[in-house]
Protein backbone atom coordinates (compact mmCIF):
# COMPACT_ATOMS: atom_id res chain seq x y z
CA MET A 1 69.59 139.16 151.88
CA ASN A 2 71.32 139.51 154.93
CA GLU A 3 74.60 139.49 155.57
CA ASP A 4 75.02 136.42 157.39
CA ARG A 5 73.24 134.99 154.17
CA ARG A 6 75.41 136.53 151.83
CA GLN A 7 78.52 134.79 153.58
CA PHE A 8 76.85 131.45 153.98
CA TRP A 9 75.70 131.30 149.73
CA ALA A 10 79.62 132.63 149.04
CA LEU A 11 81.01 129.80 151.04
CA TYR A 12 78.50 127.77 149.21
CA LEU A 13 79.67 128.39 145.93
CA THR A 14 83.25 127.42 147.33
CA ARG A 15 82.51 124.19 148.37
CA PHE A 16 81.01 124.09 144.57
CA ALA A 17 84.28 125.11 143.31
CA GLU A 18 86.38 122.67 145.63
CA GLY A 19 84.10 120.00 144.56
CA PHE A 20 83.88 120.47 140.77
CA GLY A 21 88.11 120.68 140.93
CA PHE A 22 88.43 117.60 142.84
CA ILE A 23 85.83 114.74 140.71
CA THR A 24 87.36 116.27 137.41
CA LEU A 25 90.36 115.16 138.31
CA VAL A 26 89.31 111.56 139.56
CA THR A 27 87.49 111.78 136.45
CA LEU A 28 90.05 112.78 133.48
CA LEU A 29 92.91 110.64 135.78
CA PRO A 30 92.17 107.62 132.59
CA TYR A 31 92.56 110.01 130.10
CA TYR A 32 96.09 111.62 131.59
CA ILE A 33 97.25 108.02 131.96
CA ASN A 34 96.46 107.67 128.10
CA ALA A 35 98.13 111.06 127.43
CA LEU A 36 101.40 110.81 129.66
CA GLU A 37 102.15 106.96 128.90
CA PRO A 38 104.08 106.45 132.25
CA THR A 39 107.13 103.65 131.52
CA ASP A 40 109.54 102.00 133.80
CA THR A 41 111.85 104.84 135.15
CA THR A 42 114.77 104.53 136.78
CA ILE A 43 116.04 107.26 139.58
CA LEU A 44 119.88 106.85 141.75
CA GLY A 45 119.98 103.21 140.34
CA LEU A 46 116.15 102.77 141.88
CA THR A 47 113.43 100.99 139.14
CA ILE A 48 109.88 102.67 139.86
CA SER A 49 107.64 100.54 137.30
CA ALA A 50 104.78 102.05 135.62
CA GLY A 51 101.99 100.98 137.91
CA LEU A 52 103.89 102.65 140.72
CA ILE A 53 103.60 105.57 139.11
CA VAL A 54 100.37 105.44 137.84
CA GLY A 55 99.67 104.99 141.93
CA LEU A 56 101.37 107.65 143.08
CA TYR A 57 99.05 109.96 140.63
CA THR A 58 96.70 109.06 143.87
CA THR A 59 99.07 108.92 146.38
CA GLY A 60 101.09 112.12 145.90
CA PHE A 61 97.50 114.34 145.70
CA THR A 62 96.62 112.06 149.53
CA PHE A 63 100.05 112.45 150.98
CA ALA A 64 99.72 115.92 149.88
CA GLN A 65 96.68 116.06 151.79
CA THR A 66 97.74 113.91 155.01
CA VAL A 67 100.47 116.48 155.01
CA ALA A 68 98.71 119.85 154.62
CA VAL A 69 95.95 118.74 157.77
CA ILE A 70 97.49 120.36 160.89
CA PRO A 71 99.99 123.44 159.81
CA LEU A 72 96.47 124.97 157.49
CA ALA A 73 94.29 124.13 160.34
CA TRP A 74 96.40 125.65 163.27
CA GLY A 75 96.58 128.82 160.62
CA GLY A 76 92.74 129.43 159.94
CA ASP A 77 92.51 128.80 164.17
CA ARG A 78 95.82 131.48 165.28
CA PHE A 79 94.97 133.96 162.24
CA ASP A 80 92.21 135.21 160.43
CA LYS A 81 90.25 132.17 158.50
CA ARG A 82 88.95 134.14 155.60
CA LEU A 83 92.57 135.55 154.75
CA VAL A 84 93.21 132.07 154.52
CA LEU A 85 90.78 130.73 152.88
CA LEU A 86 91.57 133.09 150.08
CA THR A 87 95.00 132.59 149.79
CA VAL A 88 94.45 129.09 149.71
CA LEU A 89 91.55 129.89 146.34
CA GLY A 90 93.77 132.34 144.97
CA LEU A 91 96.56 129.65 144.70
CA GLY A 92 94.48 127.27 144.03
CA ALA A 93 93.10 129.12 140.86
CA GLY A 94 96.94 129.28 139.37
CA VAL A 95 96.91 125.33 140.16
CA TYR A 96 94.67 124.76 138.01
CA ALA A 97 95.67 126.89 135.56
CA LEU A 98 99.12 125.15 135.35
CA PHE A 99 97.35 121.69 134.34
CA PRO A 100 97.23 122.08 130.76
CA LEU A 101 101.01 122.21 130.60
CA VAL A 102 101.70 119.00 132.42
CA ASP A 103 103.69 117.36 130.21
CA SER A 104 105.05 114.24 131.95
CA SER A 105 104.01 111.73 135.33
CA ALA A 106 106.53 114.34 137.04
CA THR A 107 105.13 117.28 136.67
CA PHE A 108 101.61 115.88 136.83
CA ILE A 109 102.13 114.40 140.29
CA ALA A 110 103.74 117.64 141.55
CA ILE A 111 100.78 119.68 140.02
CA ARG A 112 98.65 116.80 141.91
CA ALA A 113 100.22 117.31 144.96
CA LEU A 114 99.79 120.57 145.19
CA GLN A 115 95.91 120.20 144.57
CA GLY A 116 95.55 118.23 147.34
CA ALA A 117 96.26 120.95 149.64
CA ILE A 118 94.84 123.21 148.01
CA ILE A 119 91.28 120.94 148.11
CA THR A 120 92.44 120.60 152.12
CA GLY A 121 92.55 123.78 152.48
CA THR A 122 89.51 125.03 151.17
CA GLY A 123 87.99 122.57 153.10
CA LEU A 124 88.86 122.87 156.04
CA MET A 125 88.16 126.79 156.09
CA THR A 126 85.14 126.81 154.17
CA LEU A 127 83.51 124.18 156.99
CA SER A 128 85.07 125.78 159.80
CA LEU A 129 83.54 129.21 158.89
CA VAL A 130 80.06 127.33 158.30
CA GLY A 131 79.76 125.88 161.08
CA GLN A 132 81.14 129.09 163.38
CA ILE A 133 78.73 131.92 161.53
CA ALA A 134 75.84 129.23 162.29
CA ALA A 135 74.03 129.20 165.45
CA THR A 136 74.48 126.20 167.34
CA GLY A 137 70.51 124.92 167.34
CA THR A 138 71.18 125.54 163.07
CA ARG A 139 74.95 124.39 162.27
CA ALA A 140 74.01 120.27 160.62
CA ASN A 141 71.51 122.57 158.68
CA TYR A 142 73.90 124.42 156.63
CA ILE A 143 77.01 122.23 156.93
CA GLY A 144 74.03 120.45 154.97
CA LYS A 145 73.34 122.37 152.94
CA SER A 146 77.53 123.17 152.32
CA ASN A 147 77.82 119.67 151.70
CA ALA A 148 74.75 119.77 148.77
CA ALA A 149 76.71 122.26 147.36
CA TYR A 150 80.05 120.06 147.07
CA PHE A 151 77.46 117.48 145.42
CA ALA A 152 75.92 119.13 143.01
CA ALA A 153 79.07 120.06 141.79
CA SER A 154 80.36 116.62 142.16
CA ILE A 155 77.56 115.12 139.29
CA VAL A 156 78.12 118.60 137.38
CA GLY A 157 81.78 117.26 137.01
CA SER A 158 81.28 113.73 137.01
CA LEU A 159 78.77 113.77 134.08
CA SER A 160 80.92 116.58 132.07
CA ALA A 161 84.63 116.18 132.56
CA GLY A 162 84.53 113.18 130.10
CA VAL A 163 81.86 114.69 127.70
CA LEU A 164 83.92 117.71 127.47
CA TYR A 165 87.40 116.53 127.19
CA GLU A 166 86.54 114.00 124.08
CA ALA A 167 84.84 117.29 122.23
CA PHE A 168 87.62 119.71 123.25
CA GLY A 169 90.57 118.60 125.30
CA PHE A 170 92.26 119.50 128.87
CA GLY A 171 92.03 123.00 128.25
CA PRO A 172 88.38 124.53 128.20
CA ILE A 173 88.02 122.21 131.10
CA PHE A 174 90.53 124.02 133.21
CA ALA A 175 89.95 127.14 132.50
CA ILE A 176 86.58 126.67 133.20
CA ILE A 177 87.81 125.44 136.69
CA VAL A 178 89.70 128.45 137.25
CA CYS A 179 86.68 130.98 136.47
CA ILE A 180 84.58 129.00 138.70
CA THR A 181 87.49 129.15 141.61
CA ILE A 182 88.13 132.96 141.18
CA ALA A 183 84.12 133.64 141.13
CA ALA A 184 84.05 132.15 144.62
CA TRP A 185 87.12 133.98 145.46
CA LEU A 186 85.47 137.38 144.60
CA ALA A 187 82.32 136.51 146.64
CA MET A 188 84.72 135.72 149.45
CA ARG A 189 86.22 138.40 149.13
CA HIS A 190 83.16 140.64 148.78
CA HIS A 191 80.53 139.19 151.41
CA LEU A 192 82.69 137.40 153.97
CA GLU A 193 83.36 138.87 157.41
CA PRO A 194 86.53 139.13 158.49
CA ASP A 195 87.17 136.48 161.21
CA VAL A 196 88.56 137.83 164.35
CA THR A 197 88.52 134.62 166.00
CA ARG A 198 92.41 134.04 167.69
CA VAL A 199 92.77 130.78 168.92
CA TYR A 200 96.38 130.79 170.87
CA GLY A 201 98.50 127.65 171.69
CA PHE A 202 98.43 124.39 169.24
CA PRO A 203 94.00 123.43 170.24
CA PHE A 204 94.81 119.70 168.68
CA SER A 205 96.27 118.95 172.06
CA ASP A 206 92.94 119.90 173.99
CA LEU A 207 90.85 119.02 171.44
CA ALA A 208 92.43 115.23 170.95
CA LEU A 209 91.27 114.23 174.72
CA ASN A 210 88.24 116.06 174.08
CA ARG A 211 85.40 113.50 175.28
CA ARG A 212 82.88 113.90 172.73
CA ILE A 213 85.57 113.75 169.54
CA LEU A 214 87.07 110.23 171.51
CA THR A 215 83.34 109.08 171.27
CA LEU A 216 82.82 110.27 167.41
CA SER A 217 86.53 108.84 166.77
CA SER A 218 85.47 105.16 167.86
CA PHE A 219 82.45 105.24 164.95
CA ARG A 220 84.42 107.50 162.22
CA VAL A 221 87.74 105.33 162.43
CA GLN A 222 85.83 102.27 161.50
CA TYR A 223 83.17 103.87 158.97
CA ALA A 224 86.20 105.49 156.72
CA PHE A 225 87.08 101.96 155.71
CA SER A 226 83.44 101.20 155.04
CA VAL A 227 82.70 104.40 152.91
CA THR A 228 85.94 104.54 151.08
CA LEU A 229 85.33 100.36 150.05
CA VAL A 230 81.48 100.35 149.07
CA ARG A 231 81.84 103.95 147.54
CA THR A 232 84.97 102.82 145.40
CA TRP A 233 84.25 99.57 144.48
CA VAL A 234 80.19 100.01 143.52
CA PRO A 235 81.10 101.85 140.18
CA ILE A 236 84.08 98.94 139.78
CA PHE A 237 81.52 96.56 140.32
CA ALA A 238 79.52 97.69 138.04
CA GLY A 239 82.25 98.28 135.10
CA VAL A 240 84.39 95.47 135.01
CA SER A 241 84.18 92.20 133.26
CA ALA A 242 82.04 88.80 134.62
CA ALA A 243 85.23 86.78 135.20
CA GLN A 244 86.07 89.81 137.81
CA GLY A 245 83.06 89.59 139.68
CA GLY A 246 81.79 92.38 137.84
CA LEU A 247 78.44 93.37 135.79
CA ALA A 248 80.23 94.29 132.80
CA TYR A 249 78.65 98.04 131.88
CA GLY A 250 79.30 100.99 129.82
CA GLY A 251 80.50 103.83 131.02
CA LEU A 252 76.92 105.73 130.89
CA ALA A 253 75.96 102.74 133.39
CA VAL A 254 78.23 103.38 135.77
CA ALA A 255 78.44 106.88 135.84
CA LEU A 256 74.82 106.75 136.71
CA THR A 257 75.65 104.50 139.88
CA VAL A 258 77.55 107.17 140.80
CA VAL A 259 75.51 109.99 140.36
CA ALA A 260 72.96 107.72 141.75
CA GLU A 261 74.76 108.67 145.95
CA LYS A 262 75.54 111.78 145.14
CA PHE A 263 71.97 112.71 143.93
CA THR A 264 70.13 111.45 147.03
CA ASN A 265 73.15 112.36 149.56
CA MET A 266 72.90 116.19 147.98
CA CYS A 267 68.94 116.19 148.21
CA CYS A 268 68.47 114.92 151.69
CA GLN A 269 71.42 116.83 153.93
CA PRO A 270 70.18 119.97 154.22
CA PHE A 271 66.98 118.26 155.01
CA THR A 272 68.22 115.57 157.15
CA GLY A 273 70.78 118.59 158.77
CA ARG A 274 68.13 120.61 160.27
CA LEU A 275 66.45 117.29 161.35
CA SER A 276 69.52 116.12 163.53
CA ASP A 277 69.29 119.77 164.56
CA GLY A 278 66.09 118.95 166.50
CA TYR A 279 66.09 115.70 167.18
CA GLY A 280 70.02 114.91 168.16
CA ARG A 281 72.37 114.91 166.20
CA ALA A 282 74.48 111.33 168.27
CA LEU A 283 71.15 109.46 167.40
CA PHE A 284 71.44 110.63 163.12
CA VAL A 285 75.06 109.40 163.61
CA PHE A 286 74.05 106.08 164.45
CA ALA A 287 71.68 105.49 162.24
CA GLY A 288 73.13 106.61 159.42
CA GLY A 289 75.80 104.67 159.77
CA ALA A 290 73.84 101.37 160.72
CA THR A 291 71.16 101.68 157.21
CA TYR A 292 74.37 102.47 155.68
CA GLY A 293 76.04 99.48 156.67
CA LEU A 294 73.00 97.40 156.05
CA VAL A 295 72.61 98.38 152.34
CA ALA A 296 76.30 97.84 151.64
CA LEU A 297 75.59 94.10 152.35
CA ALA A 298 72.89 94.56 149.83
CA VAL A 299 74.67 94.96 147.06
CA PRO A 300 76.01 91.82 146.26
CA PHE A 301 72.46 90.67 145.88
CA ALA A 302 71.51 93.49 142.81
CA PRO A 303 71.23 91.03 139.97
CA ALA A 304 69.20 88.30 142.15
CA ILE A 305 67.12 91.23 143.00
CA GLY A 306 66.90 91.86 139.75
CA ALA A 307 66.19 88.26 138.52
CA ALA A 308 63.55 87.89 140.98
CA LEU A 309 61.70 91.21 139.99
CA ALA A 310 62.33 89.96 136.23
CA LEU A 311 63.82 93.82 134.87
CA PRO A 312 64.54 95.01 132.03
CA SER A 313 68.57 94.86 130.57
CA GLU A 314 67.92 97.60 127.95
CA PHE A 315 66.70 101.07 127.91
CA VAL A 316 64.62 102.23 124.37
CA VAL A 317 63.48 105.74 123.76
CA SER A 318 62.04 106.19 120.71
CA ILE A 319 63.82 109.62 118.96
CA PRO A 320 61.32 110.23 115.53
CA ALA A 321 64.79 113.02 114.41
CA ILE A 322 66.97 109.80 114.70
CA ALA A 323 64.17 107.62 112.14
CA ALA A 324 64.34 110.92 109.74
CA GLY A 325 68.48 110.06 109.56
CA ALA A 326 69.55 112.42 111.84
CA THR A 327 73.31 111.54 113.15
CA LEU A 328 74.54 111.99 116.79
CA PRO A 329 77.85 113.26 117.57
CA GLY A 330 80.61 110.45 118.18
CA TRP A 331 81.05 111.54 121.94
CA LEU A 332 77.65 110.42 123.11
CA PRO A 333 77.79 107.25 124.90
CA LEU A 334 73.96 106.65 122.61
CA SER A 335 73.37 103.79 120.01
CA ALA A 336 70.72 104.49 117.38
CA VAL A 337 68.98 102.55 114.93
CA PRO A 338 65.94 103.93 112.67
CA GLY A 339 63.15 105.13 114.77
CA GLN A 340 65.08 104.05 117.84
CA VAL A 341 67.99 105.48 120.59
CA THR A 342 69.47 103.06 122.74
CA ILE A 343 70.53 105.05 126.35
CA LEU A 344 72.31 102.61 127.88
CA GLY A 345 73.38 99.98 125.94
CA ASP A 346 72.93 95.34 126.97
CA VAL A 347 72.70 95.98 130.91
CA SER A 348 71.58 93.48 133.34
CA PRO A 349 68.38 92.73 135.45
CA ALA A 350 70.49 94.10 138.17
CA PHE A 351 71.12 97.51 136.35
CA VAL A 352 68.10 98.95 138.43
CA PRO A 353 68.78 96.87 141.68
CA LEU A 354 72.20 98.57 142.05
CA ILE A 355 71.17 102.51 141.26
CA VAL A 356 68.16 102.29 144.31
CA LEU A 357 71.14 100.84 146.25
CA SER A 358 73.48 103.35 145.42
CA GLY A 359 71.12 105.75 146.27
CA LEU A 360 69.53 104.17 149.17
CA LEU A 361 73.52 104.58 150.71
CA GLY A 362 73.69 108.49 149.94
CA VAL A 363 70.43 108.82 152.01
CA ALA A 364 71.83 106.71 154.65
CA ASP A 365 75.25 108.87 154.28
CA SER A 366 72.73 112.27 154.17
CA PHE A 367 71.84 110.93 157.64
CA ARG A 368 75.34 110.74 159.09
CA GLU A 369 77.99 113.68 157.64
CA PRO A 370 76.00 116.79 158.35
CA ALA A 371 75.30 115.66 161.87
CA SER A 372 78.54 114.24 162.29
CA MET A 373 80.51 117.33 161.02
CA ALA A 374 77.91 119.87 163.12
CA LEU A 375 79.71 117.86 166.34
CA PHE A 376 82.87 118.80 165.37
CA ALA A 377 81.94 122.40 164.74
CA ASP A 378 79.99 122.12 168.26
CA GLU A 379 83.59 120.93 169.97
CA GLY A 380 85.55 122.95 168.46
CA THR A 381 83.54 126.07 168.72
CA GLU A 382 83.33 125.05 172.59
CA ASP A 383 86.88 124.59 172.87
CA GLY A 384 88.19 127.49 170.85
CA GLY A 385 89.40 125.44 167.42
CA VAL A 386 86.83 124.82 165.19
CA ALA A 387 89.73 124.34 161.96
CA SER A 388 91.41 122.38 164.36
CA SER A 389 89.04 119.95 165.40
CA PHE A 390 87.91 119.22 161.52
CA GLY A 391 91.76 119.03 161.23
CA ILE A 392 91.12 116.20 163.87
CA ARG A 393 88.28 115.30 161.67
CA ASP A 394 89.94 114.49 158.66
CA LEU A 395 93.09 113.20 160.01
CA LEU A 396 90.52 110.24 161.74
CA TRP A 397 89.96 109.79 157.84
CA ARG A 398 92.82 108.95 156.44
CA PRO A 399 93.85 105.70 157.17
CA GLY A 400 91.19 104.09 155.47
CA SER A 401 90.88 105.93 152.97
CA VAL A 402 94.52 104.95 152.55
CA VAL A 403 94.40 101.05 153.46
CA ALA A 404 90.76 100.63 152.44
CA PRO A 405 91.45 100.69 148.57
CA LEU A 406 94.20 97.93 149.34
CA LEU A 407 92.48 96.00 151.26
CA GLY A 408 89.77 95.84 149.18
CA GLY A 409 91.56 95.25 145.60
CA TRP A 410 93.01 91.91 147.70
CA LEU A 411 89.62 91.22 148.55
CA MET A 412 88.18 91.40 145.02
CA TYR A 413 90.75 89.28 143.78
CA GLU A 414 91.80 86.74 146.39
CA VAL A 415 88.08 86.28 148.27
CA GLY A 416 85.19 87.39 145.86
CA MET A 417 83.89 90.79 145.07
CA SER A 418 80.82 90.15 147.12
CA ALA A 419 83.70 90.35 150.27
CA VAL A 420 83.94 94.08 149.52
CA PHE A 421 80.48 94.94 150.72
CA TYR A 422 80.93 92.27 153.41
CA VAL A 423 83.76 93.58 154.01
CA GLY A 424 82.73 97.31 153.70
CA GLY A 425 79.17 96.79 155.38
CA ALA A 426 80.37 94.68 158.24
CA PHE A 427 82.99 98.47 158.96
CA ALA A 428 80.61 100.17 159.15
CA LEU A 429 78.14 98.28 161.71
CA SER A 430 81.40 97.15 164.15
CA GLY A 431 81.71 101.34 163.89
CA VAL A 432 77.85 101.72 165.11
CA ALA A 433 78.31 99.36 167.58
CA LEU A 434 81.63 100.92 169.72
CA PHE A 435 80.34 104.12 169.12
CA LEU A 436 76.83 103.06 171.13
CA VAL A 437 78.70 101.04 173.52
CA ILE A 438 81.13 104.52 174.60
CA LEU A 439 78.08 106.18 174.26
CA VAL A 440 76.07 105.16 176.78
CA TRP A 441 79.10 103.92 178.99
CA LEU A 442 80.86 107.51 179.22
CA HIS A 443 77.73 109.81 178.58
CA GLY A 444 74.63 108.02 179.71
CA ARG A 445 71.77 106.19 177.46
CA ARG A 446 69.97 109.42 177.76
CA ALA A 447 73.03 110.43 174.93
CA LEU A 448 72.02 109.21 172.06
CA VAL A 449 69.12 111.49 171.95
CA GLU A 450 70.69 114.51 173.96
CA TRP A 451 73.50 114.99 171.56
């Protein structure tokens, strides 16, 4: 195995550690809410409601991410990215070790904010180093593989965290995260070469006026609203009651709708990244964004599709051991009768179409994501500020990630569940339309296939 390949594998392991830590905390949030039992609190005469405190469990994380972007990206360009990444990973192991000690909402919000800064630093440095080490003609391929490692961690973490908590509690879960983080730190320390690039000044100011980045921004700002709405509301649509416009599925069925999108995205990104290296990255951004919007518009029609195709509403398998009188652990989401096990409980015919549509969302986004990341890496590397380029990319996503959940909640209660997906799809389609217009206007008719 050559030196570059060792470096890439170390970076992939780091992306896995980043994704596993992130998704595990997302999965465990309901359990922390139950354990901490937040209540109304008065501070300096100001009453903070329990609902606002629960909101801070996530908002504190997101706010810390936003604040950390510029200093960490600047530090990565100005100094050794490897050293910055090793420092962030080392601190991350310590932060995850603190989570089992949480005994109040205040400490949880504070430690979660630290996790937000760690996640931001890890993501920025790993993507910057992958983009910097890879040659221009292979950049999207390697970024796609890096993203695949992240999605693999998301799948493993989302499926295992709840089960592990029910069986063992918080402590062992975070021990696993700490061990994975330390393994990533050791791999980085041993295999990754020092970063000798140095960028003086403040590259954000120059890159903010880069014509290609401005063109991509016209798409990315709108697309952030689309992805945040659709990714957030697919499991909500699957899990909430019919009175709220949902399908009222159980926990395993809801988890499978999330995993379907991540699994197809993970499997496709290395391949689609390699294709975008050869056939034009702007074309893949356009095609992926447009397809995502069209699939999002189809999500509310999952019940109608399932009814039209007369699809099953229950999934049962025969297991002889159950018939012989064996028992199942209480934490497994299965119900048994003699001779068979009902895997998903009573789901509607909409379940299979929803899984397929969720998987198609992952396929569509797998065309867009590595191509988009490679374009930012290209511009950052060429202008001497790859970490800052990814920092700008991250900041462009923030308005959508913060505002879209509020918009989705309002649409769900005031208009209807379907409206969330219609608006989400519209954001993606308007984003690619504006991207195409600006692309042709500023860069010529051939830009779609030449970038």
